[in-house]
Amino acid sequence: MLDCSNAAFAGEHIELFAQRALHWPARRTLAIADLHLGKDDVFRSAGIALPTGGTQADLARLSALLEHTQATRLLVLGDFIHGTAGVARWREAWRAFRSRHPVTVTVVLGNHDRGLDAAGLDIQVVADSLAEGPFRFAHEHQTGDAGICISGHVHPVVRLPSLGASFPVFHLQERGLVLPAFSAMTGGWKVSPQDAWLACVHGHLMASPAFADALPPKNEAR
């Protein structure tokens, strides 16, 4: 069972999952940020000892989300890869993933995607941002009157002293929501415990009082 929380932005119902993803049911769209495919390979090639299987674990989590939501489109909000696109190991894992999930995949390019070669990956690429309905999907948070910005890039986390660790969060901002990094192999930008956030804690969601106050009543979320 995947833990999710209902929310509403500009009248649109969305679902936020503890597995670090946003689902927009009206558009059958699953959005994630900072997938960083191949990051474990890059670190090991630099002599940094890391366990294998990070990319496989992230893609398995993504598979579960697509199967649960029945989304027909996947939006990756930047940093699709980490390093060059020529590392065979992650490309093979991605091709196997695509064979299981023939959904539309759109990647909004991020700062780690400069070397991205989309050939053979079965993805669509957007250079800056994607505007749909009341939302603007981007890698970095954008301000202005261009809609509610859904973004990634900074890998927001919050430290929970009661649990003795930091956890990735959905960080609510004025006219925007920053998604947690989808990759499990990332650091994070620490947000204040007083901010509006929804933490992803071992497969469950934990909301700050400020985030809970910003959500509509459950019977108004849909």
Protein backbone atom coordinates (compact mmCIF):
# COMPACT_ATOMS: atom_id res chain seq x y z
CA MET A 1 0.00 0.00 0.00
CA LEU A 2 1.41 3.39 -1.03
CA ASP A 3 0.76 6.22 1.41
CA CYS A 4 -0.55 9.41 -0.20
CA SER A 5 -2.08 12.72 0.83
CA ASN A 6 -4.74 14.61 -1.11
CA ALA A 7 -4.25 18.29 -1.80
CA ALA A 8 -5.77 20.96 -4.02
CA PHE A 9 -4.12 23.76 -5.99
CA ALA A 10 -6.23 26.23 -7.96
CA GLY A 11 -9.11 23.78 -7.89
CA GLU A 12 -7.01 20.86 -9.17
CA HIS A 13 -6.88 17.67 -7.11
CA ILE A 14 -3.41 16.21 -6.70
CA GLU A 15 -1.98 13.31 -4.72
CA LEU A 16 1.37 13.47 -2.93
CA PHE A 17 3.02 10.09 -2.32
CA ALA A 18 5.44 9.11 0.42
CA GLN A 19 7.46 7.48 -2.36
CA ARG A 20 8.42 11.05 -3.44
CA ALA A 21 6.04 11.64 -6.33
CA LEU A 22 3.08 13.82 -7.29
CA HIS A 23 0.08 12.45 -9.17
CA TRP A 24 -2.30 14.69 -11.12
CA PRO A 25 -5.28 12.39 -11.73
CA ALA A 26 -7.13 14.71 -14.12
CA ARG A 27 -4.19 14.51 -16.55
CA ARG A 28 -3.18 10.95 -15.60
CA THR A 29 0.27 12.38 -14.94
CA LEU A 30 2.90 11.25 -12.44
CA ALA A 31 5.56 13.90 -11.71
CA ILE A 32 8.92 13.33 -10.05
CA ALA A 33 12.10 15.41 -9.77
CA ASP A 34 15.80 14.62 -9.67
CA LEU A 35 15.89 10.99 -10.77
CA HIS A 36 19.71 11.11 -11.20
CA LEU A 37 19.98 7.88 -13.18
CA GLY A 38 23.46 6.40 -12.95
CA LYS A 39 24.62 8.44 -9.96
CA ASP A 40 25.88 5.34 -8.17
CA ASP A 41 27.97 4.41 -11.23
CA VAL A 42 29.46 7.92 -11.41
CA PHE A 43 30.46 7.85 -7.75
CA ARG A 44 32.01 4.40 -7.97
CA SER A 45 33.99 5.39 -11.07
CA ALA A 46 35.39 8.28 -9.00
CA GLY A 47 36.59 5.84 -6.34
CA ILE A 48 33.73 6.47 -3.88
CA ALA A 49 32.55 3.16 -2.45
CA LEU A 50 28.79 2.81 -2.83
CA PRO A 51 26.58 -0.26 -2.95
CA THR A 52 25.26 -1.30 -6.34
CA GLY A 53 21.58 -1.27 -7.22
CA GLY A 54 20.65 2.34 -6.46
CA THR A 55 19.27 2.96 -9.95
CA GLN A 56 17.43 -0.37 -9.94
CA ALA A 57 15.82 0.42 -6.58
CA ASP A 58 14.68 3.86 -7.76
CA LEU A 59 13.19 2.42 -10.95
CA ALA A 60 11.42 -0.31 -8.97
CA ARG A 61 9.83 2.37 -6.79
CA LEU A 62 8.82 4.28 -9.91
CA SER A 63 7.29 1.13 -11.39
CA ALA A 64 5.16 0.65 -8.28
CA LEU A 65 3.91 4.24 -8.51
CA LEU A 66 2.97 3.93 -12.18
CA GLU A 67 1.15 0.67 -11.54
CA HIS A 68 -0.70 2.09 -8.54
CA THR A 69 -1.78 5.37 -10.17
CA GLN A 70 -2.31 3.99 -13.68
CA ALA A 71 -0.76 7.20 -14.98
CA THR A 72 -0.22 7.38 -18.74
CA ARG A 73 2.46 10.07 -18.57
CA LEU A 74 5.61 10.49 -16.51
CA LEU A 75 7.06 13.97 -16.00
CA VAL A 76 10.66 14.15 -14.79
CA LEU A 77 11.38 17.68 -13.56
CA GLY A 78 15.07 17.83 -14.31
CA ASP A 79 18.25 15.95 -13.47
CA PHE A 80 17.08 12.86 -15.29
CA ILE A 81 20.70 11.67 -15.34
CA HIS A 82 23.82 12.21 -13.27
CA GLY A 83 26.98 12.33 -15.33
CA THR A 84 27.16 11.34 -18.98
CA ALA A 85 24.48 9.53 -20.92
CA GLY A 86 26.91 6.90 -22.14
CA VAL A 87 27.04 4.70 -19.02
CA ALA A 88 25.67 1.42 -20.34
CA ARG A 89 24.50 0.04 -17.00
CA TRP A 90 21.83 2.65 -16.32
CA ARG A 91 20.77 2.82 -19.97
CA GLU A 92 20.05 -0.90 -19.94
CA ALA A 93 18.06 -0.55 -16.71
CA TRP A 94 16.08 2.32 -18.23
CA ARG A 95 15.32 0.38 -21.42
CA ALA A 96 14.03 -2.53 -19.34
CA PHE A 97 11.87 -0.09 -17.38
CA ARG A 98 10.47 1.41 -20.62
CA SER A 99 9.60 -2.04 -21.94
CA ARG A 100 7.46 -2.57 -18.84
CA HIS A 101 5.89 0.89 -18.91
CA PRO A 102 4.94 2.19 -22.39
CA VAL A 103 3.86 5.56 -21.01
CA THR A 104 4.76 8.97 -22.39
CA VAL A 105 7.90 10.26 -20.66
CA THR A 106 8.65 13.99 -20.73
CA VAL A 107 11.86 15.35 -19.23
CA VAL A 108 12.22 19.02 -18.32
CA LEU A 109 15.97 19.49 -18.59
CA GLY A 110 17.92 20.21 -15.41
CA ASN A 111 21.46 21.29 -14.64
CA HIS A 112 22.73 17.69 -14.66
CA ASP A 113 21.18 17.00 -18.06
CA ARG A 114 23.64 18.95 -20.20
CA GLY A 115 25.14 15.72 -21.48
CA LEU A 116 21.81 14.00 -22.03
CA ASP A 117 21.56 12.17 -25.33
CA ALA A 118 17.91 11.20 -25.66
CA ALA A 119 18.58 8.77 -28.49
CA GLY A 120 17.26 5.34 -27.67
CA LEU A 121 15.70 6.42 -24.37
CA ASP A 122 12.13 6.89 -25.68
CA ILE A 123 11.66 10.27 -23.98
CA GLN A 124 10.49 13.74 -24.93
CA VAL A 125 12.64 16.68 -23.87
CA VAL A 126 11.51 20.20 -22.83
CA ALA A 127 14.24 22.82 -22.50
CA ASP A 128 12.83 25.22 -19.88
CA SER A 129 9.39 24.55 -18.42
CA LEU A 130 6.00 23.11 -19.27
CA ALA A 131 2.77 25.05 -18.67
CA GLU A 132 -0.44 23.05 -18.25
CA GLY A 133 -3.66 24.17 -16.58
CA PRO A 134 -2.84 26.23 -13.49
CA PHE A 135 0.65 24.71 -13.23
CA ARG A 136 4.12 25.40 -14.56
CA PHE A 137 6.41 22.40 -14.31
CA ALA A 138 10.10 23.34 -14.10
CA HIS A 139 13.39 22.11 -12.72
CA GLU A 140 14.11 25.20 -10.63
CA HIS A 141 11.40 27.16 -8.83
CA GLN A 142 10.08 30.03 -10.96
CA THR A 143 8.24 33.06 -9.66
CA GLY A 144 5.86 35.42 -11.41
CA ASP A 145 2.40 35.15 -12.87
CA ALA A 146 3.00 32.02 -14.95
CA GLY A 147 0.98 29.72 -12.70
CA ILE A 148 1.71 27.56 -9.69
CA CYS A 149 5.25 26.27 -10.10
CA ILE A 150 5.93 22.59 -9.47
CA SER A 151 9.70 22.10 -9.35
CA GLY A 152 12.65 20.19 -7.88
CA HIS A 153 16.41 20.86 -7.97
CA VAL A 154 17.18 21.68 -4.31
CA HIS A 155 16.32 18.27 -2.76
CA PRO A 156 14.46 19.70 0.28
CA VAL A 157 14.80 17.78 3.55
CA VAL A 158 13.83 18.42 7.16
CA ARG A 159 15.49 17.11 10.28
CA LEU A 160 13.14 15.40 12.70
CA PRO A 161 14.92 15.22 16.06
CA SER A 162 12.39 12.75 17.43
CA LEU A 163 13.49 10.28 14.74
CA GLY A 164 17.15 11.26 14.79
CA ALA A 165 17.45 11.80 11.04
CA SER A 166 16.59 14.05 8.08
CA PHE A 167 13.90 13.10 5.57
CA PRO A 168 12.94 14.33 2.07
CA VAL A 169 9.95 16.65 1.94
CA PHE A 170 7.45 18.31 -0.34
CA HIS A 171 8.15 21.97 0.43
CA LEU A 172 5.18 24.30 0.02
CA GLN A 173 6.07 27.82 -1.08
CA GLU A 174 4.14 30.88 -2.16
CA ARG A 175 2.58 29.86 -5.50
CA GLY A 176 4.68 26.75 -5.68
CA LEU A 177 5.59 23.29 -4.48
CA VAL A 178 9.12 21.88 -4.51
CA LEU A 179 9.22 18.10 -4.86
CA PRO A 180 11.65 15.90 -2.92
CA ALA A 181 14.47 14.32 -4.89
CA PHE A 182 13.24 11.00 -6.24
CA SER A 183 16.66 9.40 -6.15
CA ALA A 184 17.49 7.89 -2.79
CA MET A 185 21.16 8.75 -3.37
CA THR A 186 21.00 12.50 -2.82
CA GLY A 187 21.85 15.02 -0.17
CA GLY A 188 19.44 17.78 0.70
CA TRP A 189 18.72 21.42 1.37
CA LYS A 190 17.44 21.73 4.92
CA VAL A 191 14.14 23.55 5.37
CA SER A 192 12.95 25.00 8.64
CA PRO A 193 10.76 22.81 10.86
CA GLN A 194 8.39 25.80 10.98
CA ASP A 195 7.92 25.79 7.19
CA ALA A 196 5.05 24.12 5.36
CA TRP A 197 6.32 20.65 4.44
CA LEU A 198 5.16 17.09 4.01
CA ALA A 199 7.88 14.61 4.96
CA CYS A 200 8.44 11.18 3.39
CA VAL A 201 9.30 9.03 6.41
CA HIS A 202 9.98 5.34 5.79
CA GLY A 203 7.06 4.99 3.37
CA HIS A 204 4.69 7.22 5.34
CA LEU A 205 3.80 10.91 5.24
CA MET A 206 4.19 13.36 8.11
CA ALA A 207 2.93 16.95 7.73
CA SER A 208 4.14 20.02 9.57
CA PRO A 209 1.38 22.09 11.21
CA ALA A 210 1.90 24.79 8.58
CA PHE A 211 1.43 22.28 5.75
CA ALA A 212 -1.65 20.73 7.35
CA ASP A 213 -3.20 24.18 7.74
CA ALA A 214 -2.66 24.86 4.04
CA LEU A 215 -4.52 21.71 2.93
CA PRO A 216 -8.26 21.74 2.26
CA PRO A 217 -10.56 19.60 4.40
CA LYS A 218 -10.53 16.00 3.21
CA ASN A 219 -14.04 16.22 1.78
CA GLU A 220 -12.96 19.18 -0.37
CA ALA A 221 -9.72 17.69 -1.70
CA ARG A 222 -11.26 16.04 -4.74
